[in-house]
Amino acid sequence: MNSGNYKIGFMLMPHAWRNGIATRACKFMTALAFDELGAHKLTTESYASNQGAMRVLDRNGYAHAGLQKGLLQRRIRRA
């Protein structure tokens, strides 16, 4: 039985950075989880020093949810 909670992630090679690929992939995964899988909460993690990942998550509506030894946890909920 699925509880409606999902975790997503993304990783790109350096030559693919700063092209909007991760932002579009995150947007796609977020929509897929909510619209097709019936999620009510998504979480993701990244290193606190990874500013690119922070920008991707900010652009996709994820909010800061906690810190775990250098990892930032973020989440988004469907209203």
Protein backbone atom coordinates (compact mmCIF):
# COMPACT_ATOMS: atom_id res chain seq x y z
CA MET A 1 0.00 0.00 0.00
CA ASN A 2 1.46 3.33 -1.03
CA SER A 3 1.07 6.20 1.42
CA GLY A 4 1.27 8.98 -1.18
CA ASN A 5 4.76 10.04 -0.10
CA TYR A 6 7.48 9.95 -2.74
CA LYS A 7 11.13 10.94 -2.97
CA ILE A 8 12.66 12.32 -6.16
CA GLY A 9 16.19 13.14 -7.22
CA PHE A 10 18.29 14.27 -10.15
CA MET A 11 21.96 14.25 -11.08
CA LEU A 12 23.66 15.66 -14.16
CA MET A 13 27.18 15.56 -15.48
CA PRO A 14 28.94 18.96 -15.35
CA HIS A 15 28.77 19.49 -19.13
CA ALA A 16 24.94 19.48 -18.83
CA TRP A 17 24.73 22.06 -16.01
CA ARG A 18 23.13 25.48 -16.49
CA ASN A 19 20.97 24.47 -19.46
CA GLY A 20 17.64 24.14 -17.65
CA ILE A 21 17.66 20.36 -17.94
CA ALA A 22 17.41 19.65 -14.20
CA THR A 23 14.72 22.30 -13.76
CA ARG A 24 12.59 20.72 -16.51
CA ALA A 25 13.24 17.19 -15.21
CA CYS A 26 12.25 18.21 -11.68
CA LYS A 27 9.10 19.89 -13.00
CA PHE A 28 8.22 16.73 -14.94
CA MET A 29 8.84 14.38 -11.98
CA THR A 30 6.84 16.64 -9.66
CA ALA A 31 3.86 16.76 -12.03
CA LEU A 32 4.06 13.02 -12.65
CA ALA A 33 4.04 12.23 -8.94
CA PHE A 34 1.08 14.50 -8.14
CA ASP A 35 -0.99 14.08 -11.29
CA GLU A 36 -0.40 10.43 -12.19
CA LEU A 37 0.65 8.74 -8.96
CA GLY A 38 -1.63 10.62 -6.58
CA ALA A 39 1.18 11.85 -4.34
CA HIS A 40 0.39 14.28 -1.57
CA LYS A 41 4.01 14.91 -0.51
CA LEU A 42 7.36 14.75 -2.32
CA THR A 43 10.76 15.02 -0.68
CA THR A 44 14.27 15.40 -2.01
CA GLU A 45 17.75 15.96 -0.60
CA SER A 46 20.86 17.74 -1.74
CA TYR A 47 24.11 18.91 -0.28
CA ALA A 48 23.72 22.33 1.32
CA SER A 49 26.66 23.55 -0.77
CA ASN A 50 25.00 22.56 -4.08
CA GLN A 51 23.62 25.94 -5.13
CA GLY A 52 22.51 24.66 -8.53
CA ALA A 53 20.26 22.05 -6.94
CA MET A 54 18.91 24.69 -4.54
CA ARG A 55 17.93 26.88 -7.51
CA VAL A 56 16.24 23.95 -9.27
CA LEU A 57 14.20 23.12 -6.16
CA ASP A 58 13.30 26.78 -5.52
CA ARG A 59 12.09 27.17 -9.11
CA ASN A 60 9.87 24.13 -8.68
CA GLY A 61 8.23 25.22 -5.43
CA TYR A 62 10.10 23.04 -2.94
CA ALA A 63 10.49 24.44 0.57
CA HIS A 64 13.36 23.94 2.99
CA ALA A 65 12.33 21.26 5.50
CA GLY A 66 15.46 20.44 7.49
CA LEU A 67 19.20 19.94 7.70
CA GLN A 68 21.01 16.65 8.28
CA LYS A 69 24.81 16.85 8.54
CA GLY A 70 25.33 18.90 5.39
CA LEU A 71 22.23 17.66 3.55
CA LEU A 72 19.27 19.94 3.05
CA GLN A 73 15.91 18.24 2.98
CA ARG A 74 13.19 19.89 0.93
CA ARG A 75 9.55 19.08 0.39
CA ILE A 76 6.51 20.14 -1.54
CA ARG A 77 2.87 19.36 -0.78
CA ARG A 78 -0.13 19.45 -3.05
CA ALA A 79 -2.90 21.51 -1.52
